[in-house]
Structure formats: C-alpha cells, structure tokens
C-alpha cells in the first residue's frame, strides 16, 4: 500500500485545477457578500461664521450581509473637510460618534433590533495633514444580530457635538443598506 505524499497531493491539486475542477472549502459565511448604499451630505461647521469655507463633505457607505439567520452591518465614512489655521485640532468637537443599527425590514417603520455607537471617528475627524486640511475616513467595527427568518438591513447616523456652537449633539442621517 502506497502512502499519500505531499508531492502526490500537490500533483492532485494541480491536476484538478488544470482540469477545471476546484474543491470548495469555504463555508456559507464566506460566500455571503455585503450589499451597500452610499449617500453624501455637506455639513456646515456651526461654530464658525467667518469668511472662509467651513463645510465638511461626508460620504457614508452603509453595508449589510446575511449569513444564515444573522445580519451583519458596518459603515465606512469618508470626508473632505475644510482647511483650518490649526493643525490636528482636538477641540473641534466635544463629542463625535457613528451609530450603526441593524433593523428588521417590515411594512412601515423598520424597528431597530441592535445598535452600537463607535466613537473612534472623533480622533480621525480632528486629525489634519500638516497644512490643516481635515480630510479622512473611518470604518466602524462590524455589528451583528441574529434576526431569524425575517429580512434585515443596516442603517447609520453620524452624531457630532460641535465645540462652542451651543447646540449639543446633532444627528445627521444617511441612507440605509439594501435589505438582506
């Protein structure tokens, strides 16, 4: 009886690939792909009323996928911020976070089943290049929820508490992911 060796198994794989046959080893979770929706919004810096441009142009991509009965969602936010005279100004915001939500898709308002606030975006927003240009991006961690047989979707909103504007937390809505 001949022992199956590494070279024999390598030859088998090469032969299988050459013949157009591939052996699938990934499970169902690896097969699921994210479905995403992008939306954009220009947000004025309410703490500045001077003559220079001060709008932040945000683009948010909210993504969701389903694997079995679980829905996964995350958001990627990118922005083209203004150029300020200060570099890496950690006092732009009193607070900033991105809220990711997983909602159950149904007729009428989709109820939130799980949500999480991700504050890592604040440090990224307050970080500029050496000339004071505040451009950047932030991707949230992935949120998951076992939704069962129902359909679900990911949603997201940006929360900014601008320093010295006197209004506290402001909520900016973006488009939800497609239903998965």
N, C-alpha and C. Protein backbone atom coordinates (compact mmCIF):
# COMPACT_ATOMS: atom_id res chain seq x y z
N UNK A 1 0.84 -1.17 0.00
CA UNK A 1 0.00 0.00 0.00
C UNK A 1 0.89 1.25 0.00
N UNK A 2 0.63 2.16 -0.92
CA UNK A 2 1.46 3.34 -1.07
C UNK A 2 0.93 4.47 -0.20
N UNK A 3 1.82 5.13 0.49
CA UNK A 3 1.47 6.26 1.34
C UNK A 3 1.28 7.51 0.48
N UNK A 4 0.24 8.29 0.75
CA UNK A 4 -0.04 9.52 0.01
C UNK A 4 0.92 10.60 0.49
N UNK A 5 1.75 11.10 -0.39
CA UNK A 5 2.77 12.08 0.00
C UNK A 5 2.38 13.49 -0.41
N UNK A 6 3.16 14.46 0.12
CA UNK A 6 2.90 15.86 -0.21
C UNK A 6 2.97 16.08 -1.72
N UNK A 7 3.97 15.51 -2.39
CA UNK A 7 4.11 15.73 -3.82
C UNK A 7 2.94 15.12 -4.59
N UNK A 8 2.42 14.01 -4.09
CA UNK A 8 1.27 13.40 -4.74
C UNK A 8 0.03 14.26 -4.55
N UNK A 9 -0.14 14.83 -3.35
CA UNK A 9 -1.32 15.68 -3.13
C UNK A 9 -1.20 16.97 -3.91
N UNK A 10 0.03 17.51 -4.06
CA UNK A 10 0.24 18.71 -4.87
C UNK A 10 -0.10 18.41 -6.32
N UNK A 11 0.32 17.28 -6.80
CA UNK A 11 0.02 16.89 -8.17
C UNK A 11 -1.48 16.75 -8.38
N UNK A 12 -2.18 16.20 -7.40
CA UNK A 12 -3.63 16.07 -7.49
C UNK A 12 -4.31 17.44 -7.61
N UNK A 13 -3.87 18.41 -6.78
CA UNK A 13 -4.45 19.75 -6.80
C UNK A 13 -4.17 20.42 -8.14
N UNK A 14 -2.94 20.33 -8.62
CA UNK A 14 -2.58 20.93 -9.91
C UNK A 14 -3.41 20.29 -11.02
N UNK A 15 -3.55 18.99 -10.98
CA UNK A 15 -4.34 18.29 -12.00
C UNK A 15 -5.80 18.71 -11.92
N UNK A 16 -6.33 18.86 -10.73
CA UNK A 16 -7.72 19.25 -10.56
C UNK A 16 -7.95 20.65 -11.09
N UNK A 17 -7.02 21.56 -10.81
CA UNK A 17 -7.16 22.93 -11.29
C UNK A 17 -7.00 23.01 -12.80
N UNK A 18 -6.10 22.25 -13.34
CA UNK A 18 -5.89 22.24 -14.78
C UNK A 18 -7.11 21.70 -15.50
N UNK A 19 -7.79 20.76 -14.88
CA UNK A 19 -8.98 20.19 -15.47
C UNK A 19 -10.23 21.01 -15.25
N UNK A 20 -10.10 22.14 -14.57
CA UNK A 20 -11.26 23.00 -14.34
C UNK A 20 -12.06 22.62 -13.12
N UNK A 21 -11.59 21.66 -12.35
CA UNK A 21 -12.29 21.23 -11.15
C UNK A 21 -11.65 21.90 -9.95
N UNK A 22 -12.46 22.48 -9.11
CA UNK A 22 -11.93 23.10 -7.89
C UNK A 22 -12.67 22.54 -6.70
N UNK A 23 -11.97 22.40 -5.63
CA UNK A 23 -12.57 21.90 -4.41
C UNK A 23 -12.93 23.10 -3.54
N UNK A 24 -14.18 23.26 -3.19
CA UNK A 24 -14.62 24.40 -2.36
C UNK A 24 -14.44 24.05 -0.90
N UNK A 25 -13.76 24.94 -0.17
CA UNK A 25 -13.54 24.69 1.25
C UNK A 25 -14.17 25.76 2.13
N UNK A 26 -14.64 26.87 1.55
CA UNK A 26 -15.21 27.96 2.35
C UNK A 26 -16.63 27.62 2.75
N UNK A 27 -17.00 28.01 3.95
CA UNK A 27 -18.34 27.78 4.45
C UNK A 27 -19.32 28.82 3.94
N UNK A 28 -20.59 28.74 4.32
CA UNK A 28 -21.60 29.66 3.83
C UNK A 28 -21.36 31.12 4.23
N UNK A 29 -20.71 31.36 5.36
CA UNK A 29 -20.48 32.75 5.78
C UNK A 29 -19.52 33.44 4.83
N UNK A 30 -18.56 32.72 4.32
CA UNK A 30 -17.60 33.31 3.39
C UNK A 30 -18.25 33.62 2.05
N UNK A 31 -19.31 32.90 1.69
CA UNK A 31 -19.97 33.10 0.41
C UNK A 31 -20.83 34.37 0.40
N UNK A 32 -21.31 34.78 1.54
CA UNK A 32 -22.17 35.96 1.61
C UNK A 32 -21.36 37.21 1.30
N UNK A 33 -21.95 38.09 0.50
CA UNK A 33 -21.28 39.35 0.20
C UNK A 33 -22.10 40.51 0.73
N UNK A 34 -21.41 41.58 1.08
CA UNK A 34 -22.09 42.76 1.59
C UNK A 34 -22.79 43.51 0.46
N UNK A 35 -23.96 44.03 0.77
CA UNK A 35 -24.70 44.92 -0.14
C UNK A 35 -24.65 46.29 0.51
N UNK A 36 -24.28 47.30 -0.28
CA UNK A 36 -24.03 48.62 0.28
C UNK A 36 -24.81 49.72 -0.43
N UNK A 37 -25.05 50.78 0.29
CA UNK A 37 -25.64 52.00 -0.25
C UNK A 37 -24.78 53.17 0.20
N UNK A 38 -24.46 54.06 -0.74
CA UNK A 38 -23.69 55.26 -0.41
C UNK A 38 -24.57 56.49 -0.51
N UNK A 39 -24.33 57.44 0.38
CA UNK A 39 -25.02 58.73 0.32
C UNK A 39 -24.07 59.80 0.82
N UNK A 40 -24.33 61.02 0.42
CA UNK A 40 -23.44 62.14 0.76
C UNK A 40 -24.23 63.29 1.35
N UNK A 41 -23.52 64.09 2.13
CA UNK A 41 -24.13 65.24 2.79
C UNK A 41 -23.04 66.27 3.07
N UNK A 42 -23.35 67.53 2.80
CA UNK A 42 -22.45 68.63 3.13
C UNK A 42 -22.94 69.23 4.44
N UNK A 43 -22.06 69.29 5.44
CA UNK A 43 -22.44 69.75 6.78
C UNK A 43 -21.63 70.99 7.14
N UNK A 44 -22.35 72.05 7.47
CA UNK A 44 -21.72 73.30 7.85
C UNK A 44 -21.19 73.23 9.28
N UNK A 45 -20.00 73.79 9.50
CA UNK A 45 -19.45 73.90 10.85
C UNK A 45 -20.17 75.06 11.54
N UNK A 46 -21.11 74.77 12.43
CA UNK A 46 -21.91 75.85 13.04
C UNK A 46 -21.13 76.70 14.04
N UNK A 47 -19.94 76.25 14.41
CA UNK A 47 -19.16 77.02 15.38
C UNK A 47 -18.30 78.09 14.70
N UNK A 48 -18.33 78.13 13.37
CA UNK A 48 -17.52 79.11 12.64
C UNK A 48 -18.43 79.94 11.73
N UNK A 49 -18.31 81.24 11.79
CA UNK A 49 -19.13 82.11 10.94
C UNK A 49 -18.27 83.11 10.16
N UNK A 50 -17.02 82.80 9.97
CA UNK A 50 -16.10 83.69 9.26
C UNK A 50 -16.24 83.61 7.76
N UNK A 51 -15.34 84.26 7.05
CA UNK A 51 -15.44 84.35 5.59
C UNK A 51 -14.94 83.12 4.83
N UNK A 52 -14.23 82.22 5.48
CA UNK A 52 -13.64 81.08 4.78
C UNK A 52 -14.61 79.90 4.72
N UNK A 53 -14.39 79.05 3.72
CA UNK A 53 -15.22 77.84 3.56
C UNK A 53 -15.06 76.96 4.79
N UNK A 54 -16.18 76.45 5.30
CA UNK A 54 -16.12 75.63 6.52
C UNK A 54 -16.98 74.37 6.45
N UNK A 55 -17.49 74.01 5.28
CA UNK A 55 -18.32 72.81 5.17
C UNK A 55 -17.47 71.55 5.14
N UNK A 56 -18.02 70.51 5.74
CA UNK A 56 -17.45 69.17 5.72
C UNK A 56 -18.32 68.35 4.77
N UNK A 57 -17.73 67.76 3.74
CA UNK A 57 -18.48 66.94 2.79
C UNK A 57 -18.28 65.47 3.14
N UNK A 58 -19.34 64.86 3.65
CA UNK A 58 -19.29 63.47 4.11
C UNK A 58 -19.90 62.54 3.06
N UNK A 59 -19.29 61.39 2.89
CA UNK A 59 -19.86 60.29 2.12
C UNK A 59 -19.86 59.08 3.05
N UNK A 60 -21.03 58.46 3.18
CA UNK A 60 -21.17 57.30 4.06
C UNK A 60 -21.68 56.13 3.24
N UNK A 61 -20.99 55.00 3.39
CA UNK A 61 -21.41 53.75 2.75
C UNK A 61 -21.82 52.80 3.87
N UNK A 62 -23.12 52.47 3.92
CA UNK A 62 -23.64 51.52 4.91
C UNK A 62 -23.83 50.18 4.22
N UNK A 63 -23.25 49.14 4.80
CA UNK A 63 -23.26 47.81 4.20
C UNK A 63 -23.90 46.79 5.14
N UNK A 64 -24.54 45.79 4.55
CA UNK A 64 -25.12 44.70 5.33
C UNK A 64 -25.01 43.40 4.53
N UNK A 65 -24.91 42.31 5.26
CA UNK A 65 -24.96 40.99 4.64
C UNK A 65 -25.66 40.05 5.61
N UNK A 66 -26.12 38.97 5.05
CA UNK A 66 -26.80 37.96 5.85
C UNK A 66 -26.04 36.65 5.70
N UNK A 67 -25.86 35.96 6.82
CA UNK A 67 -25.29 34.62 6.81
C UNK A 67 -26.18 33.78 7.71
N UNK A 68 -26.93 32.89 7.12
CA UNK A 68 -27.90 32.12 7.89
C UNK A 68 -28.96 33.06 8.44
N UNK A 69 -29.16 33.04 9.75
CA UNK A 69 -30.17 33.90 10.37
C UNK A 69 -29.57 35.17 10.97
N UNK A 70 -28.28 35.42 10.70
CA UNK A 70 -27.60 36.58 11.28
C UNK A 70 -27.35 37.65 10.23
N UNK A 71 -27.62 38.91 10.60
CA UNK A 71 -27.34 40.06 9.74
C UNK A 71 -26.13 40.78 10.32
N UNK A 72 -25.22 41.15 9.44
CA UNK A 72 -24.01 41.89 9.80
C UNK A 72 -24.06 43.25 9.11
N UNK A 73 -23.59 44.29 9.81
CA UNK A 73 -23.58 45.61 9.21
C UNK A 73 -22.39 46.43 9.71
N UNK A 74 -21.89 47.30 8.83
CA UNK A 74 -20.84 48.25 9.19
C UNK A 74 -21.01 49.48 8.31
N UNK A 75 -20.29 50.55 8.63
CA UNK A 75 -20.34 51.76 7.82
C UNK A 75 -18.92 52.28 7.58
N UNK A 76 -18.70 52.80 6.40
CA UNK A 76 -17.44 53.47 6.09
C UNK A 76 -17.78 54.92 5.79
N UNK A 77 -17.16 55.82 6.54
CA UNK A 77 -17.38 57.24 6.39
C UNK A 77 -16.10 57.89 5.87
N UNK A 78 -16.22 58.71 4.86
CA UNK A 78 -15.07 59.49 4.39
C UNK A 78 -15.52 60.94 4.29
N UNK A 79 -14.57 61.85 4.43
CA UNK A 79 -14.93 63.27 4.41
C UNK A 79 -13.82 64.10 3.80
N UNK A 80 -14.28 65.19 3.22
CA UNK A 80 -13.41 66.24 2.71
C UNK A 80 -13.74 67.45 3.57
N UNK A 81 -12.90 67.69 4.55
CA UNK A 81 -13.15 68.79 5.48
C UNK A 81 -12.49 70.07 5.03
N UNK A 82 -12.76 71.14 5.72
CA UNK A 82 -12.16 72.42 5.36
C UNK A 82 -10.68 72.48 5.76
N UNK A 83 -10.04 73.54 5.34
CA UNK A 83 -8.67 73.83 5.76
C UNK A 83 -8.77 74.88 6.85
N UNK A 84 -8.30 74.54 8.05
CA UNK A 84 -8.31 75.46 9.18
C UNK A 84 -6.88 75.92 9.45
N UNK A 85 -6.77 76.99 10.19
CA UNK A 85 -5.43 77.51 10.51
C UNK A 85 -4.72 76.63 11.53
N UNK A 86 -5.46 75.84 12.29
CA UNK A 86 -4.83 74.97 13.30
C UNK A 86 -4.67 73.55 12.75
N UNK A 87 -3.58 72.91 13.13
CA UNK A 87 -3.28 71.54 12.71
C UNK A 87 -3.65 70.60 13.85
N UNK A 88 -4.30 69.48 13.50
CA UNK A 88 -4.69 68.46 14.49
C UNK A 88 -5.40 69.07 15.69
N UNK A 89 -6.50 69.75 15.44
CA UNK A 89 -7.24 70.46 16.48
C UNK A 89 -8.18 69.50 17.20
N UNK A 90 -7.79 69.08 18.41
CA UNK A 90 -8.60 68.13 19.19
C UNK A 90 -9.75 68.81 19.93
N UNK A 91 -9.99 70.08 19.63
CA UNK A 91 -11.11 70.79 20.27
C UNK A 91 -12.20 71.13 19.27
N UNK A 92 -12.17 70.56 18.07
CA UNK A 92 -13.22 70.81 17.07
C UNK A 92 -14.58 70.31 17.57
N UNK A 93 -14.56 69.15 18.22
CA UNK A 93 -15.80 68.52 18.67
C UNK A 93 -15.72 68.24 20.16
N UNK A 94 -16.86 68.42 20.82
CA UNK A 94 -16.94 67.98 22.22
C UNK A 94 -17.16 66.48 22.25
N UNK A 95 -17.80 65.96 21.19
CA UNK A 95 -18.07 64.53 21.08
C UNK A 95 -18.42 64.24 19.63
N UNK A 96 -18.09 63.06 19.15
CA UNK A 96 -18.48 62.60 17.82
C UNK A 96 -18.49 61.09 17.83
N UNK A 97 -19.51 60.52 17.21
CA UNK A 97 -19.56 59.06 17.06
C UNK A 97 -20.43 58.70 15.88
N UNK A 98 -20.26 57.49 15.39
CA UNK A 98 -21.11 56.97 14.32
C UNK A 98 -21.92 55.83 14.91
N UNK A 99 -23.22 55.91 14.73
CA UNK A 99 -24.13 54.87 15.23
C UNK A 99 -24.50 53.93 14.09
N UNK A 100 -24.20 52.65 14.25
CA UNK A 100 -24.61 51.62 13.31
C UNK A 100 -25.81 50.90 13.90
N UNK A 101 -26.81 50.66 13.06
CA UNK A 101 -28.03 49.98 13.51
C UNK A 101 -28.35 48.81 12.60
N UNK A 102 -28.88 47.76 13.19
CA UNK A 102 -29.46 46.68 12.40
C UNK A 102 -30.96 46.75 12.66
N UNK A 103 -31.71 46.83 11.55
CA UNK A 103 -33.16 46.96 11.64
C UNK A 103 -33.83 45.76 10.98
N UNK A 104 -35.01 45.45 11.48
CA UNK A 104 -35.83 44.41 10.85
C UNK A 104 -36.66 45.08 9.78
N UNK A 105 -36.58 44.56 8.56
CA UNK A 105 -37.34 45.13 7.45
C UNK A 105 -38.79 44.66 7.54
N UNK A 106 -39.68 45.64 7.57
CA UNK A 106 -41.11 45.32 7.63
C UNK A 106 -41.90 46.47 7.04
N UNK A 107 -43.17 46.27 6.88
CA UNK A 107 -44.04 47.32 6.38
C UNK A 107 -44.10 48.46 7.39
N UNK A 108 -43.99 49.70 6.92
CA UNK A 108 -43.98 50.84 7.84
C UNK A 108 -42.56 51.14 8.31
N UNK A 109 -42.42 51.59 9.54
CA UNK A 109 -41.11 51.91 10.10
C UNK A 109 -40.37 50.64 10.48
N UNK A 110 -39.12 50.56 10.07
CA UNK A 110 -38.29 49.40 10.40
C UNK A 110 -37.75 49.54 11.82
N UNK A 111 -38.11 48.63 12.73
CA UNK A 111 -37.63 48.76 14.11
C UNK A 111 -36.15 48.41 14.25
N UNK A 112 -35.46 49.15 15.11
CA UNK A 112 -34.05 48.89 15.41
C UNK A 112 -33.99 47.67 16.32
N UNK A 113 -33.22 46.68 15.93
CA UNK A 113 -33.05 45.47 16.73
C UNK A 113 -31.76 45.51 17.55
N UNK A 114 -30.74 46.19 17.00
CA UNK A 114 -29.47 46.32 17.72
C UNK A 114 -28.75 47.55 17.18
N UNK A 115 -28.08 48.26 18.07
CA UNK A 115 -27.29 49.41 17.62
C UNK A 115 -26.05 49.54 18.49
N UNK A 116 -25.06 50.24 17.96
CA UNK A 116 -23.82 50.48 18.69
C UNK A 116 -23.25 51.82 18.24
N UNK A 117 -22.68 52.55 19.21
CA UNK A 117 -22.04 53.83 18.94
C UNK A 117 -20.53 53.61 18.88
N UNK A 118 -19.91 54.12 17.82
CA UNK A 118 -18.47 53.96 17.63
C UNK A 118 -17.80 55.33 17.64
N UNK A 119 -17.11 55.62 18.73
CA UNK A 119 -16.51 56.92 18.95
C UNK A 119 -15.14 57.10 18.34
N UNK A 120 -14.60 56.09 17.71
CA UNK A 120 -13.28 56.20 17.10
C UNK A 120 -13.20 57.24 16.00
N UNK A 121 -14.35 57.67 15.50
CA UNK A 121 -14.37 58.65 14.42
C UNK A 121 -13.92 60.03 14.89
N UNK A 122 -14.11 60.36 16.17
CA UNK A 122 -13.78 61.71 16.65
C UNK A 122 -12.30 62.02 16.45
N UNK A 123 -11.42 61.14 16.84
CA UNK A 123 -9.98 61.38 16.69
C UNK A 123 -9.61 61.53 15.22
N UNK A 124 -10.26 60.76 14.36
CA UNK A 124 -9.98 60.86 12.92
C UNK A 124 -10.45 62.20 12.37
N UNK A 125 -11.63 62.67 12.81
CA UNK A 125 -12.15 63.96 12.36
C UNK A 125 -11.25 65.12 12.78
N UNK A 126 -10.64 65.00 13.94
CA UNK A 126 -9.82 66.08 14.48
C UNK A 126 -8.35 65.99 14.06
N UNK A 127 -8.05 65.07 13.15
CA UNK A 127 -6.69 64.89 12.67
C UNK A 127 -6.57 65.48 11.27
N UNK A 128 -5.60 66.37 11.07
CA UNK A 128 -5.41 67.00 9.77
C UNK A 128 -4.04 66.64 9.21
N UNK A 129 -3.81 67.07 7.98
CA UNK A 129 -2.45 66.96 7.46
C UNK A 129 -1.64 68.15 7.96
N UNK A 130 -0.42 68.28 7.52
CA UNK A 130 0.46 69.33 8.06
C UNK A 130 0.06 70.74 7.65
N UNK A 131 -0.88 70.86 6.70
CA UNK A 131 -1.33 72.19 6.29
C UNK A 131 -2.70 72.55 6.88
N UNK A 132 -3.22 71.72 7.77
CA UNK A 132 -4.52 71.99 8.39
C UNK A 132 -5.72 71.54 7.57
N UNK A 133 -5.52 70.66 6.61
CA UNK A 133 -6.61 70.14 5.79
C UNK A 133 -7.20 68.91 6.48
N UNK A 134 -8.48 68.97 6.79
CA UNK A 134 -9.15 67.92 7.56
C UNK A 134 -9.90 66.96 6.64
N UNK A 135 -9.17 66.09 5.98
CA UNK A 135 -9.75 65.03 5.16
C UNK A 135 -9.44 63.70 5.83
N UNK A 136 -10.32 62.73 5.66
CA UNK A 136 -10.03 61.43 6.26
C UNK A 136 -11.14 60.43 6.03
N UNK A 137 -11.02 59.30 6.72
CA UNK A 137 -12.03 58.25 6.64
C UNK A 137 -12.01 57.42 7.92
N UNK A 138 -13.10 56.73 8.14
CA UNK A 138 -13.25 55.87 9.31
C UNK A 138 -14.21 54.74 8.97
N UNK A 139 -13.82 53.52 9.31
CA UNK A 139 -14.69 52.36 9.13
C UNK A 139 -15.03 51.81 10.50
N UNK A 140 -16.32 51.64 10.76
CA UNK A 140 -16.75 51.12 12.06
C UNK A 140 -16.46 49.63 12.16
N UNK A 141 -16.41 49.12 13.37
CA UNK A 141 -16.41 47.65 13.52
C UNK A 141 -17.75 47.09 12.99
N UNK A 142 -17.79 45.80 12.79
CA UNK A 142 -19.00 45.15 12.29
C UNK A 142 -19.93 44.80 13.45
N UNK A 143 -21.19 45.12 13.28
CA UNK A 143 -22.25 44.82 14.24
C UNK A 143 -23.03 43.62 13.70
N UNK A 144 -23.44 42.70 14.58
CA UNK A 144 -24.22 41.56 14.12
C UNK A 144 -25.43 41.34 15.03
N UNK A 145 -26.46 40.76 14.42
CA UNK A 145 -27.69 40.46 15.17
C UNK A 145 -28.36 39.23 14.54
N UNK A 146 -28.75 38.28 15.38
CA UNK A 146 -29.46 37.09 14.89
C UNK A 146 -30.92 37.47 14.72
N UNK A 147 -31.31 37.70 13.47
CA UNK A 147 -32.64 38.23 13.16
C UNK A 147 -33.65 37.13 12.88
N UNK A 148 -33.18 35.91 12.66
CA UNK A 148 -34.09 34.81 12.38
C UNK A 148 -34.45 34.78 10.90
N UNK A 149 -35.70 34.40 10.61
CA UNK A 149 -36.15 34.24 9.23
C UNK A 149 -36.47 35.57 8.56
N UNK A 150 -36.70 36.63 9.32
CA UNK A 150 -37.07 37.93 8.75
C UNK A 150 -35.92 38.57 7.99
N UNK A 151 -36.27 39.56 7.20
CA UNK A 151 -35.26 40.33 6.45
C UNK A 151 -34.72 41.44 7.34
N UNK A 152 -33.48 41.84 7.08
CA UNK A 152 -32.86 42.90 7.86
C UNK A 152 -32.11 43.87 6.97
N UNK A 153 -31.63 44.94 7.57
CA UNK A 153 -30.84 45.94 6.87
C UNK A 153 -29.96 46.68 7.86
N UNK A 154 -28.93 47.31 7.34
CA UNK A 154 -28.06 48.15 8.16
C UNK A 154 -28.42 49.61 7.95
N UNK A 155 -28.26 50.40 8.98
CA UNK A 155 -28.53 51.83 8.89
C UNK A 155 -27.47 52.55 9.71
N UNK A 156 -27.34 53.84 9.50
CA UNK A 156 -26.32 54.57 10.23
C UNK A 156 -26.59 56.05 10.32
N UNK A 157 -26.06 56.65 11.36
CA UNK A 157 -26.19 58.10 11.54
C UNK A 157 -24.95 58.64 12.22
N UNK A 158 -24.56 59.82 11.78
CA UNK A 158 -23.39 60.50 12.32
C UNK A 158 -23.86 61.47 13.40
N UNK A 159 -23.23 61.41 14.56
CA UNK A 159 -23.55 62.32 15.67
C UNK A 159 -22.34 63.22 15.91
N UNK A 160 -22.55 64.52 15.80
CA UNK A 160 -21.49 65.49 16.03
C UNK A 160 -21.94 66.51 17.06
N UNK A 161 -21.10 66.74 18.05
CA UNK A 161 -21.33 67.79 19.03
C UNK A 161 -20.20 68.80 18.81
N UNK A 162 -20.51 69.83 18.03
CA UNK A 162 -19.51 70.84 17.66
C UNK A 162 -19.16 71.67 18.89
N UNK A 163 -17.89 71.90 19.09
CA UNK A 163 -17.41 72.73 20.20
C UNK A 163 -17.86 74.18 19.97
N UNK A 164 -18.38 74.80 21.03
CA UNK A 164 -18.72 76.23 21.04
C UNK A 164 -19.87 76.63 20.12
N UNK A 165 -20.76 75.71 19.75
CA UNK A 165 -21.90 76.14 18.94
C UNK A 165 -23.17 76.28 19.77
N UNK A 166 -23.14 75.79 21.02
CA UNK A 166 -24.27 75.95 21.92
C UNK A 166 -25.47 75.07 21.65
N UNK A 167 -25.34 74.05 20.78
CA UNK A 167 -26.49 73.21 20.44
C UNK A 167 -26.38 71.77 20.88
N UNK A 168 -25.27 71.33 21.39
CA UNK A 168 -25.13 69.94 21.81
C UNK A 168 -25.04 69.00 20.62
N UNK A 169 -25.45 67.76 20.83
CA UNK A 169 -25.36 66.69 19.84
C UNK A 169 -26.30 66.94 18.67
N UNK A 170 -25.77 66.87 17.45
CA UNK A 170 -26.58 66.96 16.23
C UNK A 170 -26.48 65.62 15.51
N UNK A 171 -27.61 65.18 14.96
CA UNK A 171 -27.72 63.87 14.34
C UNK A 171 -27.88 64.06 12.83
N UNK A 172 -27.03 63.41 12.05
CA UNK A 172 -27.07 63.50 10.59
C UNK A 172 -27.36 62.12 10.02
N UNK A 173 -28.49 61.97 9.35
CA UNK A 173 -28.96 60.68 8.80
C UNK A 173 -28.33 60.43 7.44
N UNK A 174 -28.07 59.16 7.16
CA UNK A 174 -27.57 58.73 5.85
C UNK A 174 -28.43 57.56 5.39
N UNK A 175 -28.30 57.19 4.11
CA UNK A 175 -29.14 56.13 3.52
C UNK A 175 -28.79 54.76 4.11
N UNK A 176 -29.81 53.95 4.29
CA UNK A 176 -29.65 52.59 4.80
C UNK A 176 -29.14 51.66 3.70
N UNK A 177 -28.63 50.51 4.12
CA UNK A 177 -28.18 49.49 3.17
C UNK A 177 -29.40 48.88 2.48
N UNK A 178 -29.16 48.12 1.42
CA UNK A 178 -30.27 47.32 0.86
C UNK A 178 -30.70 46.25 1.87
N UNK A 179 -31.88 45.75 1.69
CA UNK A 179 -32.43 44.70 2.55
C UNK A 179 -31.73 43.38 2.21
N UNK A 180 -31.35 42.65 3.28
CA UNK A 180 -30.68 41.35 3.10
C UNK A 180 -31.47 40.26 3.80
